[in-house]
Amino acid sequence: MISGARPEYVMVVAERARMEHFLAAGGPRTMYEPIARFSVDGATDLEPDLDHVSPTWVQDYLVYRRIDL
């Protein structure tokens, strides 16, 4: 859906399954750059390692901006 609609901004829940899909090779991440993170735990890494992303939903969000803007 993201690749088809190409929104200017995307906000992704930093949950492992969602991040795996977004970061997959050839996936929508290739069109976006990280610009902000909002985490209840205070995490600030804009390029988190999937091993350090929660396997379940938490209040942790990454915001991406389309690169070609």
PDB file of N, CA and C in Angstrom:
ATOM      1  N   MET A   1       0.821  -1.176   0.000  1.00  0.00           N
ATOM      2  CA  MET A   1       0.000   0.000   0.000  1.00  0.00           C
ATOM      3  C   MET A   1       0.877   1.257   0.000  1.00  0.00           C
ATOM      4  N   ILE A   2       1.940   1.272   0.771  1.00  0.00           N
ATOM      5  CA  ILE A   2       2.823   2.439   0.818  1.00  0.00           C
ATOM      6  C   ILE A   2       3.457   2.681  -0.542  1.00  0.00           C
ATOM      7  N   SER A   3       3.965   1.628  -1.162  1.00  0.00           N
ATOM      8  CA  SER A   3       4.612   1.771  -2.472  1.00  0.00           C
ATOM      9  C   SER A   3       3.634   2.290  -3.525  1.00  0.00           C
ATOM     10  N   GLY A   4       2.394   1.885  -3.459  1.00  0.00           N
ATOM     11  CA  GLY A   4       1.403   2.320  -4.434  1.00  0.00           C
ATOM     12  C   GLY A   4       0.954   3.760  -4.225  1.00  0.00           C
ATOM     13  N   ALA A   5       0.725   4.149  -2.976  1.00  0.00           N
ATOM     14  CA  ALA A   5       0.231   5.486  -2.668  1.00  0.00           C
ATOM     15  C   ALA A   5       1.345   6.529  -2.597  1.00  0.00           C
ATOM     16  N   ARG A   6       2.555   6.107  -2.256  1.00  0.00           N
ATOM     17  CA  ARG A   6       3.715   6.993  -2.122  1.00  0.00           C
ATOM     18  C   ARG A   6       3.416   8.259  -1.315  1.00  0.00           C
ATOM     19  N   PRO A   7       2.936   8.099  -0.073  1.00  0.00           N
ATOM     20  CA  PRO A   7       2.657   9.288   0.740  1.00  0.00           C
ATOM     21  C   PRO A   7       3.952  10.055   1.037  1.00  0.00           C
ATOM     22  N   GLU A   8       3.818  11.343   1.337  1.00  0.00           N
ATOM     23  CA  GLU A   8       4.993  12.158   1.645  1.00  0.00           C
ATOM     24  C   GLU A   8       5.676  11.680   2.922  1.00  0.00           C
ATOM     25  N   TYR A   9       4.885  11.283   3.907  1.00  0.00           N
ATOM     26  CA  TYR A   9       5.409  10.824   5.197  1.00  0.00           C
ATOM     27  C   TYR A   9       4.763   9.497   5.557  1.00  0.00           C
ATOM     28  N   VAL A  10       5.521   8.673   6.286  1.00  0.00           N
ATOM     29  CA  VAL A  10       5.023   7.390   6.775  1.00  0.00           C
ATOM     30  C   VAL A  10       5.419   7.286   8.247  1.00  0.00           C
ATOM     31  N   MET A  11       4.481   6.859   9.084  1.00  0.00           N
ATOM     32  CA  MET A  11       4.788   6.603  10.488  1.00  0.00           C
ATOM     33  C   MET A  11       4.598   5.106  10.720  1.00  0.00           C
ATOM     34  N   VAL A  12       5.652   4.464  11.189  1.00  0.00           N
ATOM     35  CA  VAL A  12       5.646   3.010  11.376  1.00  0.00           C
ATOM     36  C   VAL A  12       5.793   2.696  12.861  1.00  0.00           C
ATOM     37  N   VAL A  13       4.962   1.807  13.358  1.00  0.00           N
ATOM     38  CA  VAL A  13       5.110   1.325  14.729  1.00  0.00           C
ATOM     39  C   VAL A  13       6.389   0.497  14.773  1.00  0.00           C
ATOM     40  N   ALA A  14       7.264   0.805  15.713  1.00  0.00           N
ATOM     41  CA  ALA A  14       8.533   0.079  15.830  1.00  0.00           C
ATOM     42  C   ALA A  14       8.292  -1.265  16.519  1.00  0.00           C
ATOM     43  N   GLU A  15       7.642  -2.134  15.794  1.00  0.00           N
ATOM     44  CA  GLU A  15       7.352  -3.492  16.243  1.00  0.00           C
ATOM     45  C   GLU A  15       7.985  -4.409  15.192  1.00  0.00           C
ATOM     46  N   ARG A  16       8.637  -5.450  15.612  1.00  0.00           N
ATOM     47  CA  ARG A  16       9.486  -6.254  14.735  1.00  0.00           C
ATOM     48  C   ARG A  16       8.817  -6.675  13.425  1.00  0.00           C
ATOM     49  N   ALA A  17       7.624  -7.238  13.471  1.00  0.00           N
ATOM     50  CA  ALA A  17       6.974  -7.719  12.241  1.00  0.00           C
ATOM     51  C   ALA A  17       6.703  -6.579  11.269  1.00  0.00           C
ATOM     52  N   ARG A  18       6.264  -5.433  11.779  1.00  0.00           N
ATOM     53  CA  ARG A  18       5.996  -4.281  10.910  1.00  0.00           C
ATOM     54  C   ARG A  18       7.292  -3.735  10.315  1.00  0.00           C
ATOM     55  N   MET A  19       8.322  -3.641  11.141  1.00  0.00           N
ATOM     56  CA  MET A  19       9.602  -3.114  10.677  1.00  0.00           C
ATOM     57  C   MET A  19      10.238  -4.056   9.657  1.00  0.00           C
ATOM     58  N   GLU A  20      10.124  -5.362   9.871  1.00  0.00           N
ATOM     59  CA  GLU A  20      10.675  -6.325   8.905  1.00  0.00           C
ATOM     60  C   GLU A  20      10.062  -6.117   7.532  1.00  0.00           C
ATOM     61  N   HIS A  21       8.756  -5.923   7.499  1.00  0.00           N
ATOM     62  CA  HIS A  21       8.071  -5.713   6.219  1.00  0.00           C
ATOM     63  C   HIS A  21       8.514  -4.398   5.582  1.00  0.00           C
ATOM     64  N   PHE A  22       8.570  -3.336   6.369  1.00  0.00           N
ATOM     65  CA  PHE A  22       8.938  -2.018   5.844  1.00  0.00           C
ATOM     66  C   PHE A  22      10.391  -1.991   5.362  1.00  0.00           C
ATOM     67  N   LEU A  23      11.284  -2.672   6.074  1.00  0.00           N
ATOM     68  CA  LEU A  23      12.712  -2.648   5.750  1.00  0.00           C
ATOM     69  C   LEU A  23      13.148  -3.715   4.748  1.00  0.00           C
ATOM     70  N   ALA A  24      12.245  -4.605   4.350  1.00  0.00           N
ATOM     71  CA  ALA A  24      12.597  -5.706   3.446  1.00  0.00           C
ATOM     72  C   ALA A  24      13.261  -5.193   2.167  1.00  0.00           C
ATOM     73  N   ALA A  25      14.181  -5.992   1.645  1.00  0.00           N
ATOM     74  CA  ALA A  25      14.873  -5.631   0.396  1.00  0.00           C
ATOM     75  C   ALA A  25      13.853  -5.333  -0.695  1.00  0.00           C
ATOM     76  N   GLY A  26      14.006  -4.193  -1.344  1.00  0.00           N
ATOM     77  CA  GLY A  26      13.077  -3.808  -2.395  1.00  0.00           C
ATOM     78  C   GLY A  26      11.754  -3.271  -1.877  1.00  0.00           C
ATOM     79  N   GLY A  27      11.629  -3.168  -0.550  1.00  0.00           N
ATOM     80  CA  GLY A  27      10.393  -2.686   0.058  1.00  0.00           C
ATOM     81  C   GLY A  27      10.310  -1.173   0.067  1.00  0.00           C
ATOM     82  N   PRO A  28       9.292  -0.646   0.718  1.00  0.00           N
ATOM     83  CA  PRO A  28       9.059   0.796   0.698  1.00  0.00           C
ATOM     84  C   PRO A  28      10.169   1.625   1.347  1.00  0.00           C
ATOM     85  N   ARG A  29      10.968   1.050   2.211  1.00  0.00           N
ATOM     86  CA  ARG A  29      12.033   1.806   2.891  1.00  0.00           C
ATOM     87  C   ARG A  29      12.988   2.456   1.900  1.00  0.00           C
ATOM     88  N   THR A  30      13.153   1.865   0.722  1.00  0.00           N
ATOM     89  CA  THR A  30      14.090   2.417  -0.267  1.00  0.00           C
ATOM     90  C   THR A  30      13.672   3.799  -0.743  1.00  0.00           C
ATOM     91  N   MET A  31      12.400   4.171  -0.554  1.00  0.00           N
ATOM     92  CA  MET A  31      11.895   5.475  -0.987  1.00  0.00           C
ATOM     93  C   MET A  31      11.857   6.503   0.133  1.00  0.00           C
ATOM     94  N   TYR A  32      12.240   6.114   1.353  1.00  0.00           N
ATOM     95  CA  TYR A  32      12.064   6.975   2.522  1.00  0.00           C
ATOM     96  C   TYR A  32      13.327   7.082   3.365  1.00  0.00           C
ATOM     97  N   GLU A  33      13.445   8.234   4.071  1.00  0.00           N
ATOM     98  CA  GLU A  33      14.531   8.442   5.026  1.00  0.00           C
ATOM     99  C   GLU A  33      13.919   8.704   6.397  1.00  0.00           C
ATOM    100  N   PRO A  34      14.546   8.180   7.457  1.00  0.00           N
ATOM    101  CA  PRO A  34      14.003   8.411   8.797  1.00  0.00           C
ATOM    102  C   PRO A  34      14.257   9.852   9.237  1.00  0.00           C
ATOM    103  N   ILE A  35      13.256  10.451   9.880  1.00  0.00           N
ATOM    104  CA  ILE A  35      13.432  11.835  10.335  1.00  0.00           C
ATOM    105  C   ILE A  35      13.129  12.041  11.815  1.00  0.00           C
ATOM    106  N   ALA A  36      12.390  11.116  12.443  1.00  0.00           N
ATOM    107  CA  ALA A  36      12.058  11.292  13.857  1.00  0.00           C
ATOM    108  C   ALA A  36      11.653   9.956  14.471  1.00  0.00           C
ATOM    109  N   ARG A  37      11.798   9.915  15.782  1.00  0.00           N
ATOM    110  CA  ARG A  37      11.349   8.737  16.525  1.00  0.00           C
ATOM    111  C   ARG A  37      10.666   9.213  17.796  1.00  0.00           C
ATOM    112  N   PHE A  38       9.535   8.624  18.085  1.00  0.00           N
ATOM    113  CA  PHE A  38       8.778   8.937  19.281  1.00  0.00           C
ATOM    114  C   PHE A  38       8.626   7.640  20.072  1.00  0.00           C
ATOM    115  N   SER A  39       9.353   7.542  21.178  1.00  0.00           N
ATOM    116  CA  SER A  39       9.394   6.309  21.951  1.00  0.00           C
ATOM    117  C   SER A  39       9.125   6.583  23.415  1.00  0.00           C
ATOM    118  N   VAL A  40       8.205   5.852  23.984  1.00  0.00           N
ATOM    119  CA  VAL A  40       7.897   5.993  25.404  1.00  0.00           C
ATOM    120  C   VAL A  40       9.115   5.634  26.260  1.00  0.00           C
ATOM    121  N   ASP A  41      10.008   4.795  25.734  1.00  0.00           N
ATOM    122  CA  ASP A  41      11.216   4.405  26.462  1.00  0.00           C
ATOM    123  C   ASP A  41      12.380   5.361  26.247  1.00  0.00           C
ATOM    124  N   GLY A  42      12.192   6.370  25.400  1.00  0.00           N
ATOM    125  CA  GLY A  42      13.247   7.343  25.145  1.00  0.00           C
ATOM    126  C   GLY A  42      14.240   6.924  24.071  1.00  0.00           C
ATOM    127  N   ALA A  43      13.958   5.867  23.324  1.00  0.00           N
ATOM    128  CA  ALA A  43      14.856   5.420  22.252  1.00  0.00           C
ATOM    129  C   ALA A  43      14.945   6.508  21.184  1.00  0.00           C
ATOM    130  N   THR A  44      16.147   6.711  20.648  1.00  0.00           N
ATOM    131  CA  THR A  44      16.342   7.767  19.659  1.00  0.00           C
ATOM    132  C   THR A  44      16.953   7.269  18.356  1.00  0.00           C
ATOM    133  N   ASP A  45      17.368   6.021  18.285  1.00  0.00           N
ATOM    134  CA  ASP A  45      18.011   5.475  17.090  1.00  0.00           C
ATOM    135  C   ASP A  45      17.018   5.461  15.927  1.00  0.00           C
ATOM    136  N   LEU A  46      17.351   6.161  14.856  1.00  0.00           N
ATOM    137  CA  LEU A  46      16.465   6.220  13.696  1.00  0.00           C
ATOM    138  C   LEU A  46      16.626   5.022  12.767  1.00  0.00           C
ATOM    139  N   GLU A  47      17.664   4.232  12.979  1.00  0.00           N
ATOM    140  CA  GLU A  47      17.906   3.022  12.177  1.00  0.00           C
ATOM    141  C   GLU A  47      18.082   1.841  13.137  1.00  0.00           C
ATOM    142  N   PRO A  48      17.048   1.489  13.885  1.00  0.00           N
ATOM    143  CA  PRO A  48      17.198   0.437  14.894  1.00  0.00           C
ATOM    144  C   PRO A  48      17.461  -0.942  14.285  1.00  0.00           C
ATOM    145  N   ASP A  49      18.288  -1.703  14.967  1.00  0.00           N
ATOM    146  CA  ASP A  49      18.554  -3.092  14.605  1.00  0.00           C
ATOM    147  C   ASP A  49      17.290  -3.887  14.947  1.00  0.00           C
ATOM    148  N   LEU A  50      16.831  -4.723  14.037  1.00  0.00           N
ATOM    149  CA  LEU A  50      15.600  -5.483  14.279  1.00  0.00           C
ATOM    150  C   LEU A  50      15.677  -6.350  15.532  1.00  0.00           C
ATOM    151  N   ASP A  51      16.884  -6.765  15.917  1.00  0.00           N
ATOM    152  CA  ASP A  51      17.035  -7.567  17.136  1.00  0.00           C
ATOM    153  C   ASP A  51      16.714  -6.748  18.387  1.00  0.00           C
ATOM    154  N   HIS A  52      16.737  -5.420  18.264  1.00  0.00           N
ATOM    155  CA  HIS A  52      16.468  -4.546  19.409  1.00  0.00           C
ATOM    156  C   HIS A  52      15.106  -3.870  19.325  1.00  0.00           C
ATOM    157  N   VAL A  53      14.285  -4.307  18.380  1.00  0.00           N
ATOM    158  CA  VAL A  53      12.927  -3.784  18.238  1.00  0.00           C
ATOM    159  C   VAL A  53      11.980  -4.784  18.904  1.00  0.00           C
ATOM    160  N   SER A  54      11.005  -4.269  19.613  1.00  0.00           N
ATOM    161  CA  SER A  54      10.069  -5.129  20.344  1.00  0.00           C
ATOM    162  C   SER A  54       9.317  -6.077  19.409  1.00  0.00           C
ATOM    163  N   PRO A  55       9.123  -7.331  19.832  1.00  0.00           N
ATOM    164  CA  PRO A  55       8.338  -8.271  19.028  1.00  0.00           C
ATOM    165  C   PRO A  55       6.828  -8.012  19.166  1.00  0.00           C
ATOM    166  N   THR A  56       6.436  -7.176  20.112  1.00  0.00           N
ATOM    167  CA  THR A  56       5.029  -6.852  20.315  1.00  0.00           C
ATOM    168  C   THR A  56       4.844  -5.333  20.266  1.00  0.00           C
ATOM    169  N   TRP A  57       3.591  -4.909  20.156  1.00  0.00           N
ATOM    170  CA  TRP A  57       3.294  -3.483  20.058  1.00  0.00           C
ATOM    171  C   TRP A  57       3.737  -2.742  21.311  1.00  0.00           C
ATOM    172  N   VAL A  58       4.393  -1.613  21.106  1.00  0.00           N
ATOM    173  CA  VAL A  58       4.759  -0.687  22.181  1.00  0.00           C
ATOM    174  C   VAL A  58       4.566   0.726  21.638  1.00  0.00           C
ATOM    175  N   GLN A  59       4.565   1.703  22.511  1.00  0.00           N
ATOM    176  CA  GLN A  59       4.464   3.087  22.051  1.00  0.00           C
ATOM    177  C   GLN A  59       5.841   3.551  21.583  1.00  0.00           C
ATOM    178  N   ASP A  60       6.162   3.191  20.372  1.00  0.00           N
ATOM    179  CA  ASP A  60       7.450   3.505  19.763  1.00  0.00           C
ATOM    180  C   ASP A  60       7.194   3.635  18.263  1.00  0.00           C
ATOM    181  N   TYR A  61       7.406   4.814  17.728  1.00  0.00           N
ATOM    182  CA  TYR A  61       7.064   5.091  16.333  1.00  0.00           C
ATOM    183  C   TYR A  61       8.235   5.739  15.615  1.00  0.00           C
ATOM    184  N   LEU A  62       8.431   5.356  14.371  1.00  0.00           N
ATOM    185  CA  LEU A  62       9.439   5.982  13.514  1.00  0.00           C
ATOM    186  C   LEU A  62       8.720   6.708  12.383  1.00  0.00           C
ATOM    187  N   VAL A  63       9.173   7.924  12.105  1.00  0.00           N
ATOM    188  CA  VAL A  63       8.576   8.725  11.034  1.00  0.00           C
ATOM    189  C   VAL A  63       9.585   8.837   9.903  1.00  0.00           C
ATOM    190  N   TYR A  64       9.108   8.614   8.696  1.00  0.00           N
ATOM    191  CA  TYR A  64       9.947   8.653   7.487  1.00  0.00           C
ATOM    192  C   TYR A  64       9.383   9.676   6.509  1.00  0.00           C
ATOM    193  N   ARG A  65      10.297  10.328   5.777  1.00  0.00           N
ATOM    194  CA  ARG A  65       9.920  11.297   4.739  1.00  0.00           C
ATOM    195  C   ARG A  65      10.378  10.741   3.398  1.00  0.00           C
ATOM    196  N   ARG A  66       9.536  10.901   2.383  1.00  0.00           N
ATOM    197  CA  ARG A  66       9.904  10.426   1.052  1.00  0.00           C
ATOM    198  C   ARG A  66      11.161  11.149   0.594  1.00  0.00           C
ATOM    199  N   ILE A  67      12.104  10.431   0.041  1.00  0.00           N
ATOM    200  CA  ILE A  67      13.412  10.963  -0.334  1.00  0.00           C
ATOM    201  C   ILE A  67      13.335  11.981  -1.456  1.00  0.00           C
ATOM    202  N   ASP A  68      12.431  11.815  -2.376  1.00  0.00           N
ATOM    203  CA  ASP A  68      12.409  12.677  -3.565  1.00  0.00           C
ATOM    204  C   ASP A  68      11.677  14.008  -3.361  1.00  0.00           C
ATOM    205  N   LEU A  69      11.413  14.394  -2.141  1.00  0.00           N
ATOM    206  CA  LEU A  69      10.721  15.671  -1.894  1.00  0.00           C
ATOM    207  C   LEU A  69      11.698  16.827  -1.822  1.00  0.00           C
TER     208      LEU A  69
END
